[in-house]
Amino acid sequence: MPFINAIASDKTLKTDIKALIPDPMVRRRMSRIVKRGVSVGMECLLTAGADTIDAIITATGFGCLDDSEKFLRNIIDTDEQLLNPTPFIQSTFNTVGGQIGLLCKNHCYNMTYTHRGRSFESALLDAVLLLDAGEAHNVLLGAFDETTPTQHKIMERMGLWRRAQAGEGAYFFVVSDQRGANCVATIDRPEFLQTPATEENLRQQYANALFYNDYADCGVFHTAAAAVLFEAINRLSPDTPKLTLYNTYFGTMPTMLHIRAC
């Protein structure tokens, strides 16, 4: 059973970003979501106090949208000549995981999942399988997504965000095969359900079932599963020692997570 030995979020970041990303030139070149994701991941590593990280696995639905937009605008504005390479380099989905690996001087397994509404669960499943196989002992698992004004306008035109609040954020977890001094929860491997389950049946089967839509303040974004897991871990207590999280976001294959107090 994997142990979650540290958690971090851009909403609760405590360490000065200058300490997490010391090089000012590196910070200056980072876009907003890259800076947020990398700083949260680095703080999570500091909180865990793990000697080594054997894998860095991240998840995202849309990746670094702002940099992608900048690169596309540059193509149009410069007539496809004299393009600035920085927005293109930082527009790739694995930018956050790659930057964390560079800062840590870590050449371990580094993977990014972009499976839309199942991105985070796919990344979590990969982490659990690595731990089960003995190929890793400590895994840095994270998720990030951002929203931009252009994206919001496009989504509204498609009728997707007219009644829902768009969300964004960065969330990281250190998942290990051994319980650490700062262990906050244990987690089962995610379940990918073939058919949706009714809320009534789930509440009968699991006394403490939480539905991702219960967390309206998370907003709608593809890796909201990480945001809900972060908040659910903070809700664990002697009175609520375990929780079941159910995800039906974006009409994807339903997924279920079971967590317990450490």
C-alpha atoms as a PDB file:
ATOM      1  CA  MET A   1       0.000   0.000   0.000  1.00  0.00           C
ATOM      2  CA  PRO A   2       1.645   3.287  -1.088  1.00  0.00           C
ATOM      3  CA  PHE A   3       2.257   5.974   1.520  1.00  0.00           C
ATOM      4  CA  ILE A   4       1.850   9.682   0.823  1.00  0.00           C
ATOM      5  CA  ASN A   5       4.720  11.217   2.782  1.00  0.00           C
ATOM      6  CA  ALA A   6       4.345  14.831   1.665  1.00  0.00           C
ATOM      7  CA  ILE A   7       1.875  17.094  -0.119  1.00  0.00           C
ATOM      8  CA  ALA A   8       2.167  20.615  -1.514  1.00  0.00           C
ATOM      9  CA  SER A   9      -0.015  23.038  -3.427  1.00  0.00           C
ATOM     10  CA  ASP A  10       0.388  26.424  -5.054  1.00  0.00           C
ATOM     11  CA  LYS A  11      -2.471  27.572  -2.792  1.00  0.00           C
ATOM     12  CA  THR A  12      -0.445  26.772   0.355  1.00  0.00           C
ATOM     13  CA  LEU A  13       3.130  27.443  -0.803  1.00  0.00           C
ATOM     14  CA  LYS A  14       5.219  28.475   2.225  1.00  0.00           C
ATOM     15  CA  THR A  15       8.810  28.585   0.978  1.00  0.00           C
ATOM     16  CA  ASP A  16      10.163  31.631  -0.866  1.00  0.00           C
ATOM     17  CA  ILE A  17      10.402  30.858  -4.565  1.00  0.00           C
ATOM     18  CA  LYS A  18      13.943  32.299  -4.597  1.00  0.00           C
ATOM     19  CA  ALA A  19      15.009  29.485  -2.271  1.00  0.00           C
ATOM     20  CA  LEU A  20      13.233  26.848  -4.340  1.00  0.00           C
ATOM     21  CA  ILE A  21      14.556  28.128  -7.710  1.00  0.00           C
ATOM     22  CA  PRO A  22      17.804  29.950  -6.805  1.00  0.00           C
ATOM     23  CA  ASP A  23      18.969  30.949 -10.289  1.00  0.00           C
ATOM     24  CA  PRO A  24      17.297  34.292 -11.212  1.00  0.00           C
ATOM     25  CA  MET A  25      17.866  33.708 -14.932  1.00  0.00           C
ATOM     26  CA  VAL A  26      16.019  30.396 -14.762  1.00  0.00           C
ATOM     27  CA  ARG A  27      13.140  32.033 -12.858  1.00  0.00           C
ATOM     28  CA  ARG A  28      12.938  34.891 -15.356  1.00  0.00           C
ATOM     29  CA  ARG A  29      12.536  32.545 -18.318  1.00  0.00           C
ATOM     30  CA  MET A  30       9.786  30.500 -16.649  1.00  0.00           C
ATOM     31  CA  SER A  31       6.149  31.176 -17.466  1.00  0.00           C
ATOM     32  CA  ARG A  32       3.545  31.454 -14.732  1.00  0.00           C
ATOM     33  CA  ILE A  33       2.454  27.797 -14.687  1.00  0.00           C
ATOM     34  CA  VAL A  34       6.017  26.472 -15.018  1.00  0.00           C
ATOM     35  CA  LYS A  35       7.138  28.630 -12.104  1.00  0.00           C
ATOM     36  CA  ARG A  36       4.180  27.490 -10.013  1.00  0.00           C
ATOM     37  CA  GLY A  37       4.545  23.816 -10.855  1.00  0.00           C
ATOM     38  CA  VAL A  38       8.300  23.677 -10.308  1.00  0.00           C
ATOM     39  CA  SER A  39       8.186  25.606  -7.024  1.00  0.00           C
ATOM     40  CA  VAL A  40       5.397  23.387  -5.636  1.00  0.00           C
ATOM     41  CA  GLY A  41       7.267  20.235  -6.668  1.00  0.00           C
ATOM     42  CA  MET A  42      10.492  21.454  -5.038  1.00  0.00           C
ATOM     43  CA  GLU A  43       8.688  22.362  -1.807  1.00  0.00           C
ATOM     44  CA  CYS A  44       7.061  18.918  -1.742  1.00  0.00           C
ATOM     45  CA  LEU A  45      10.508  17.318  -1.951  1.00  0.00           C
ATOM     46  CA  LEU A  46      11.747  19.506   0.907  1.00  0.00           C
ATOM     47  CA  THR A  47       8.744  18.572   3.061  1.00  0.00           C
ATOM     48  CA  ALA A  48       9.207  14.847   2.440  1.00  0.00           C
ATOM     49  CA  GLY A  49      12.904  14.916   3.286  1.00  0.00           C
ATOM     50  CA  ALA A  50      13.448  11.913   1.017  1.00  0.00           C
ATOM     51  CA  ASP A  51      17.104  11.064   0.391  1.00  0.00           C
ATOM     52  CA  THR A  52      16.491  10.062  -3.218  1.00  0.00           C
ATOM     53  CA  ILE A  53      13.672  10.363  -5.746  1.00  0.00           C
ATOM     54  CA  ASP A  54      13.460   7.416  -8.106  1.00  0.00           C
ATOM     55  CA  ALA A  55      10.814   8.816 -10.464  1.00  0.00           C
ATOM     56  CA  ILE A  56       9.188  12.112 -11.373  1.00  0.00           C
ATOM     57  CA  ILE A  57       5.686  11.692 -12.816  1.00  0.00           C
ATOM     58  CA  THR A  58       3.481  14.631 -13.756  1.00  0.00           C
ATOM     59  CA  ALA A  59       0.019  15.004 -15.248  1.00  0.00           C
ATOM     60  CA  THR A  60      -1.669  17.780 -17.191  1.00  0.00           C
ATOM     61  CA  GLY A  61      -4.698  18.217 -19.379  1.00  0.00           C
ATOM     62  CA  PHE A  62      -3.674  21.148 -21.562  1.00  0.00           C
ATOM     63  CA  GLY A  63      -0.033  21.719 -20.579  1.00  0.00           C
ATOM     64  CA  CYS A  64       1.535  25.185 -20.679  1.00  0.00           C
ATOM     65  CA  LEU A  65      -1.177  27.072 -22.530  1.00  0.00           C
ATOM     66  CA  ASP A  66       0.230  30.568 -22.143  1.00  0.00           C
ATOM     67  CA  ASP A  67       3.562  29.617 -23.727  1.00  0.00           C
ATOM     68  CA  SER A  68       1.758  27.769 -26.515  1.00  0.00           C
ATOM     69  CA  GLU A  69      -0.278  30.890 -27.262  1.00  0.00           C
ATOM     70  CA  LYS A  70       2.845  33.073 -27.230  1.00  0.00           C
ATOM     71  CA  PHE A  71       4.578  30.779 -29.693  1.00  0.00           C
ATOM     72  CA  LEU A  72       1.598  30.754 -32.065  1.00  0.00           C
ATOM     73  CA  ARG A  73       1.308  34.537 -31.877  1.00  0.00           C
ATOM     74  CA  ASN A  74       5.031  34.871 -32.654  1.00  0.00           C
ATOM     75  CA  ILE A  75       4.589  32.715 -35.760  1.00  0.00           C
ATOM     76  CA  ILE A  76       1.893  35.083 -37.041  1.00  0.00           C
ATOM     77  CA  ASP A  77       3.544  38.356 -35.959  1.00  0.00           C
ATOM     78  CA  THR A  78       6.983  37.514 -37.404  1.00  0.00           C
ATOM     79  CA  ASP A  79       5.676  35.768 -40.507  1.00  0.00           C
ATOM     80  CA  GLU A  80       7.381  32.532 -39.359  1.00  0.00           C
ATOM     81  CA  GLN A  81      10.821  34.168 -39.117  1.00  0.00           C
ATOM     82  CA  LEU A  82      13.149  35.050 -36.202  1.00  0.00           C
ATOM     83  CA  LEU A  83      11.025  33.098 -33.730  1.00  0.00           C
ATOM     84  CA  ASN A  84      11.877  33.216 -30.016  1.00  0.00           C
ATOM     85  CA  PRO A  85      12.532  29.562 -29.078  1.00  0.00           C
ATOM     86  CA  THR A  86      11.751  29.972 -25.348  1.00  0.00           C
ATOM     87  CA  PRO A  87       7.923  29.860 -25.635  1.00  0.00           C
ATOM     88  CA  PHE A  88       8.181  26.756 -27.828  1.00  0.00           C
ATOM     89  CA  ILE A  89      10.552  24.975 -25.422  1.00  0.00           C
ATOM     90  CA  GLN A  90       8.316  25.782 -22.446  1.00  0.00           C
ATOM     91  CA  SER A  91       5.084  24.948 -24.263  1.00  0.00           C
ATOM     92  CA  THR A  92       5.740  21.204 -24.143  1.00  0.00           C
ATOM     93  CA  PHE A  93       3.743  19.093 -21.696  1.00  0.00           C
ATOM     94  CA  ASN A  94       6.804  17.746 -19.861  1.00  0.00           C
ATOM     95  CA  THR A  95       8.354  21.148 -19.111  1.00  0.00           C
ATOM     96  CA  VAL A  96       7.519  21.105 -15.387  1.00  0.00           C
ATOM     97  CA  GLY A  97       8.781  17.566 -14.774  1.00  0.00           C
ATOM     98  CA  GLY A  98      11.890  18.227 -16.846  1.00  0.00           C
ATOM     99  CA  GLN A  99      12.712  21.457 -14.991  1.00  0.00           C
ATOM    100  CA  ILE A 100      12.371  19.714 -11.611  1.00  0.00           C
ATOM    101  CA  GLY A 101      14.734  16.985 -12.817  1.00  0.00           C
ATOM    102  CA  LEU A 102      17.252  19.619 -13.966  1.00  0.00           C
ATOM    103  CA  LEU A 103      17.101  21.544 -10.689  1.00  0.00           C
ATOM    104  CA  CYS A 104      17.551  18.337  -8.661  1.00  0.00           C
ATOM    105  CA  LYS A 105      20.261  17.079 -11.051  1.00  0.00           C
ATOM    106  CA  ASN A 106      18.152  13.934 -11.173  1.00  0.00           C
ATOM    107  CA  HIS A 107      18.302  11.650 -14.222  1.00  0.00           C
ATOM    108  CA  CYS A 108      15.632   9.229 -12.999  1.00  0.00           C
ATOM    109  CA  TYR A 109      12.493   8.016 -14.783  1.00  0.00           C
ATOM    110  CA  ASN A 110      10.614  11.165 -15.821  1.00  0.00           C
ATOM    111  CA  MET A 111       7.161  10.864 -17.410  1.00  0.00           C
ATOM    112  CA  THR A 112       4.216  13.180 -18.138  1.00  0.00           C
ATOM    113  CA  TYR A 113       0.643  11.982 -18.753  1.00  0.00           C
ATOM    114  CA  THR A 114      -1.809  14.030 -20.826  1.00  0.00           C
ATOM    115  CA  HIS A 115      -4.938  11.880 -20.727  1.00  0.00           C
ATOM    116  CA  ARG A 116      -7.382  14.765 -20.330  1.00  0.00           C
ATOM    117  CA  GLY A 117      -9.758  14.063 -17.393  1.00  0.00           C
ATOM    118  CA  ARG A 118      -7.867  10.883 -16.467  1.00  0.00           C
ATOM    119  CA  SER A 119      -4.385  12.434 -16.550  1.00  0.00           C
ATOM    120  CA  PHE A 120      -3.772  12.441 -12.803  1.00  0.00           C
ATOM    121  CA  GLU A 121      -5.184   8.967 -12.214  1.00  0.00           C
ATOM    122  CA  SER A 122      -2.997   7.615 -15.040  1.00  0.00           C
ATOM    123  CA  ALA A 123       0.074   9.196 -13.464  1.00  0.00           C
ATOM    124  CA  LEU A 124      -0.889   7.825 -10.051  1.00  0.00           C
ATOM    125  CA  LEU A 125      -1.351   4.327 -11.482  1.00  0.00           C
ATOM    126  CA  ASP A 126       2.124   4.511 -13.038  1.00  0.00           C
ATOM    127  CA  ALA A 127       3.594   5.542  -9.669  1.00  0.00           C
ATOM    128  CA  VAL A 128       1.824   2.692  -7.834  1.00  0.00           C
ATOM    129  CA  LEU A 129       2.989   0.119 -10.403  1.00  0.00           C
ATOM    130  CA  LEU A 130       6.597   1.327 -10.101  1.00  0.00           C
ATOM    131  CA  LEU A 131       6.420   0.941  -6.320  1.00  0.00           C
ATOM    132  CA  ASP A 132       4.758  -2.490  -6.562  1.00  0.00           C
ATOM    133  CA  ALA A 133       7.442  -3.704  -8.965  1.00  0.00           C
ATOM    134  CA  GLY A 134      10.240  -2.480  -6.706  1.00  0.00           C
ATOM    135  CA  GLU A 135      11.554  -0.207  -9.466  1.00  0.00           C
ATOM    136  CA  ALA A 136      11.104   2.890  -7.278  1.00  0.00           C
ATOM    137  CA  HIS A 137      10.913   3.658  -3.563  1.00  0.00           C
ATOM    138  CA  ASN A 138      10.055   7.366  -3.651  1.00  0.00           C
ATOM    139  CA  VAL A 139       8.068   8.954  -6.469  1.00  0.00           C
ATOM    140  CA  LEU A 140       7.355  12.653  -6.932  1.00  0.00           C
ATOM    141  CA  LEU A 141       3.822  12.762  -8.345  1.00  0.00           C
ATOM    142  CA  GLY A 142       2.281  16.020  -9.522  1.00  0.00           C
ATOM    143  CA  ALA A 143      -0.422  17.642 -11.605  1.00  0.00           C
ATOM    144  CA  PHE A 144      -0.769  21.100 -13.067  1.00  0.00           C
ATOM    145  CA  ASP A 145      -3.058  23.039 -15.374  1.00  0.00           C
ATOM    146  CA  GLU A 146      -3.596  26.708 -16.144  1.00  0.00           C
ATOM    147  CA  THR A 147      -6.317  28.771 -17.735  1.00  0.00           C
ATOM    148  CA  THR A 148      -5.901  31.763 -20.013  1.00  0.00           C
ATOM    149  CA  PRO A 149      -8.351  34.406 -21.283  1.00  0.00           C
ATOM    150  CA  THR A 150      -8.110  32.981 -24.809  1.00  0.00           C
ATOM    151  CA  GLN A 151      -8.877  29.469 -23.591  1.00  0.00           C
ATOM    152  CA  HIS A 152     -11.833  30.761 -21.582  1.00  0.00           C
ATOM    153  CA  LYS A 153     -13.327  32.525 -24.604  1.00  0.00           C
ATOM    154  CA  ILE A 154     -12.947  29.417 -26.763  1.00  0.00           C
ATOM    155  CA  MET A 155     -14.525  27.194 -24.119  1.00  0.00           C
ATOM    156  CA  GLU A 156     -17.439  29.591 -23.683  1.00  0.00           C
ATOM    157  CA  ARG A 157     -18.064  29.597 -27.442  1.00  0.00           C
ATOM    158  CA  MET A 158     -18.163  25.803 -27.300  1.00  0.00           C
ATOM    159  CA  GLY A 159     -20.703  26.031 -24.487  1.00  0.00           C
ATOM    160  CA  LEU A 160     -18.448  24.329 -21.928  1.00  0.00           C
ATOM    161  CA  TRP A 161     -17.769  27.006 -19.308  1.00  0.00           C
ATOM    162  CA  ARG A 162     -20.902  29.119 -19.429  1.00  0.00           C
ATOM    163  CA  ARG A 163     -22.167  27.903 -16.066  1.00  0.00           C
ATOM    164  CA  ALA A 164     -18.952  26.569 -14.521  1.00  0.00           C
ATOM    165  CA  GLN A 165     -15.965  28.318 -12.998  1.00  0.00           C
ATOM    166  CA  ALA A 166     -12.695  27.590 -14.773  1.00  0.00           C
ATOM    167  CA  GLY A 167      -9.963  26.357 -12.436  1.00  0.00           C
ATOM    168  CA  GLU A 168      -6.206  25.937 -12.395  1.00  0.00           C
ATOM    169  CA  GLY A 169      -3.476  24.896  -9.998  1.00  0.00           C
ATOM    170  CA  ALA A 170      -0.422  22.805  -9.208  1.00  0.00           C
ATOM    171  CA  TYR A 171      -0.429  19.921  -6.700  1.00  0.00           C
ATOM    172  CA  PHE A 172       2.393  17.535  -5.809  1.00  0.00           C
ATOM    173  CA  PHE A 173       2.719  14.414  -3.645  1.00  0.00           C
ATOM    174  CA  VAL A 174       5.641  12.231  -2.602  1.00  0.00           C
ATOM    175  CA  VAL A 175       4.402   8.637  -2.840  1.00  0.00           C
ATOM    176  CA  SER A 176       6.610   5.958  -1.245  1.00  0.00           C
ATOM    177  CA  ASP A 177       6.660   2.257  -0.489  1.00  0.00           C
ATOM    178  CA  GLN A 178       7.673   2.957   3.127  1.00  0.00           C
ATOM    179  CA  ARG A 179       5.970   5.099   5.742  1.00  0.00           C
ATOM    180  CA  GLY A 180       7.900   8.306   6.366  1.00  0.00           C
ATOM    181  CA  ALA A 181       8.079  10.508   9.445  1.00  0.00           C
ATOM    182  CA  ASN A 182       5.676  13.008   7.853  1.00  0.00           C
ATOM    183  CA  CYS A 183       3.239  10.465   6.377  1.00  0.00           C
ATOM    184  CA  VAL A 184      -0.192  12.014   5.819  1.00  0.00           C
ATOM    185  CA  ALA A 185      -2.171   9.190   4.169  1.00  0.00           C
ATOM    186  CA  THR A 186      -2.113   5.844   2.414  1.00  0.00           C
ATOM    187  CA  ILE A 187      -3.731   5.308  -0.958  1.00  0.00           C
ATOM    188  CA  ASP A 188      -4.951   2.331  -2.976  1.00  0.00           C
ATOM    189  CA  ARG A 189      -4.316   2.080  -6.688  1.00  0.00           C
ATOM    190  CA  PRO A 190      -6.981   3.923  -8.710  1.00  0.00           C
ATOM    191  CA  GLU A 191      -9.962   1.970 -10.006  1.00  0.00           C
ATOM    192  CA  PHE A 192     -11.079   2.625 -13.589  1.00  0.00           C
ATOM    193  CA  LEU A 193     -14.779   1.760 -13.768  1.00  0.00           C
ATOM    194  CA  GLN A 194     -16.433   0.525 -16.941  1.00  0.00           C
ATOM    195  CA  THR A 195     -19.774   2.197 -16.246  1.00  0.00           C
ATOM    196  CA  PRO A 196     -20.773   5.174 -14.075  1.00  0.00           C
ATOM    197  CA  ALA A 197     -22.047   4.387 -10.605  1.00  0.00           C
ATOM    198  CA  THR A 198     -24.993   6.231  -9.103  1.00  0.00           C
ATOM    199  CA  GLU A 199     -24.342   8.545  -6.200  1.00  0.00           C
ATOM    200  CA  GLU A 200     -26.907   6.691  -4.075  1.00  0.00           C
ATOM    201  CA  ASN A 201     -25.249   3.301  -4.599  1.00  0.00           C
ATOM    202  CA  LEU A 202     -21.790   4.678  -3.848  1.00  0.00           C
ATOM    203  CA  ARG A 203     -22.926   6.349  -0.659  1.00  0.00           C
ATOM    204  CA  GLN A 204     -24.504   3.060   0.454  1.00  0.00           C
ATOM    205  CA  GLN A 205     -21.354   1.107  -0.348  1.00  0.00           C
ATOM    206  CA  TYR A 206     -18.881   3.630   1.067  1.00  0.00           C
ATOM    207  CA  ALA A 207     -19.802   5.542   4.202  1.00  0.00           C
ATOM    208  CA  ASN A 208     -17.442   8.400   3.386  1.00  0.00           C
ATOM    209  CA  ALA A 209     -17.803   8.892  -0.359  1.00  0.00           C
ATOM    210  CA  LEU A 210     -16.820  12.222  -1.871  1.00  0.00           C
ATOM    211  CA  PHE A 211     -17.667  13.319  -5.384  1.00  0.00           C
ATOM    212  CA  TYR A 212     -15.350  15.635  -7.250  1.00  0.00           C
ATOM    213  CA  ASN A 213     -18.235  17.942  -8.041  1.00  0.00           C
ATOM    214  CA  ASP A 214     -18.609  18.504  -4.274  1.00  0.00           C
ATOM    215  CA  TYR A 215     -15.522  20.718  -4.536  1.00  0.00           C
ATOM    216  CA  ALA A 216     -16.922  23.538  -6.639  1.00  0.00           C
ATOM    217  CA  ASP A 217     -14.160  25.861  -5.426  1.00  0.00           C
ATOM    218  CA  CYS A 218     -11.617  23.729  -7.319  1.00  0.00           C
ATOM    219  CA  GLY A 219     -13.111  24.892 -10.584  1.00  0.00           C
ATOM    220  CA  VAL A 220     -13.229  22.873 -13.768  1.00  0.00           C
ATOM    221  CA  PHE A 221      -9.861  21.696 -15.031  1.00  0.00           C
ATOM    222  CA  HIS A 222      -8.597  18.354 -16.229  1.00  0.00           C
ATOM    223  CA  THR A 223      -6.333  17.581 -13.275  1.00  0.00           C
ATOM    224  CA  ALA A 224      -8.894  18.619 -10.655  1.00  0.00           C
ATOM    225  CA  ALA A 225      -8.501  15.077  -9.282  1.00  0.00           C
ATOM    226  CA  ALA A 226      -5.192  16.181  -7.740  1.00  0.00           C
ATOM    227  CA  ALA A 227      -6.856  19.211  -6.157  1.00  0.00           C
ATOM    228  CA  VAL A 228      -9.588  17.043  -4.650  1.00  0.00           C
ATOM    229  CA  LEU A 229      -7.073  14.496  -3.363  1.00  0.00           C
ATOM    230  CA  PHE A 230      -5.097  17.301  -1.711  1.00  0.00           C
ATOM    231  CA  GLU A 231      -8.200  18.679  -0.005  1.00  0.00           C
ATOM    232  CA  ALA A 232      -9.453  15.217   0.963  1.00  0.00           C
ATOM    233  CA  ILE A 233      -6.145  14.376   2.656  1.00  0.00           C
ATOM    234  CA  ASN A 234      -6.526  17.522   4.761  1.00  0.00           C
ATOM    235  CA  ARG A 235     -10.002  16.333   5.762  1.00  0.00           C
ATOM    236  CA  LEU A 236      -8.782  13.003   7.163  1.00  0.00           C
ATOM    237  CA  SER A 237      -9.121  12.835  10.945  1.00  0.00           C
ATOM    238  CA  PRO A 238      -9.820  10.311  13.731  1.00  0.00           C
ATOM    239  CA  ASP A 239     -13.527  10.861  13.021  1.00  0.00           C
ATOM    240  CA  THR A 240     -12.989  10.441   9.261  1.00  0.00           C
ATOM    241  CA  PRO A 241     -10.156   7.896   8.914  1.00  0.00           C
ATOM    242  CA  LYS A 242     -10.882   6.993   5.287  1.00  0.00           C
ATOM    243  CA  LEU A 243     -12.450   8.536   2.208  1.00  0.00           C
ATOM    244  CA  THR A 244     -13.506   7.327  -1.235  1.00  0.00           C
ATOM    245  CA  LEU A 245     -13.154   9.817  -4.087  1.00  0.00           C
ATOM    246  CA  TYR A 246     -15.219   9.424  -7.248  1.00  0.00           C
ATOM    247  CA  ASN A 247     -14.445  11.263 -10.502  1.00  0.00           C
ATOM    248  CA  THR A 248     -16.781  11.680 -13.459  1.00  0.00           C
ATOM    249  CA  TYR A 249     -15.328  14.949 -14.757  1.00  0.00           C
ATOM    250  CA  PHE A 250     -15.598  15.699 -18.485  1.00  0.00           C
ATOM    251  CA  GLY A 251     -17.576  12.536 -19.179  1.00  0.00           C
ATOM    252  CA  THR A 252     -14.467  10.370 -19.072  1.00  0.00           C
ATOM    253  CA  MET A 253     -14.290   6.812 -17.773  1.00  0.00           C
ATOM    254  CA  PRO A 254     -15.231   7.061 -14.067  1.00  0.00           C
ATOM    255  CA  THR A 255     -12.368   6.586 -11.613  1.00  0.00           C
ATOM    256  CA  MET A 256     -12.306   5.913  -7.896  1.00  0.00           C
ATOM    257  CA  LEU A 257      -9.608   6.486  -5.254  1.00  0.00           C
ATOM    258  CA  HIS A 258      -9.543   5.144  -1.701  1.00  0.00           C
ATOM    259  CA  ILE A 259      -7.415   6.979   0.891  1.00  0.00           C
ATOM    260  CA  ARG A 260      -6.855   6.332   4.590  1.00  0.00           C
ATOM    261  CA  ALA A 261      -5.251   8.262   7.410  1.00  0.00           C
ATOM    262  CA  CYS A 262      -1.642   7.258   7.931  1.00  0.00           C
END
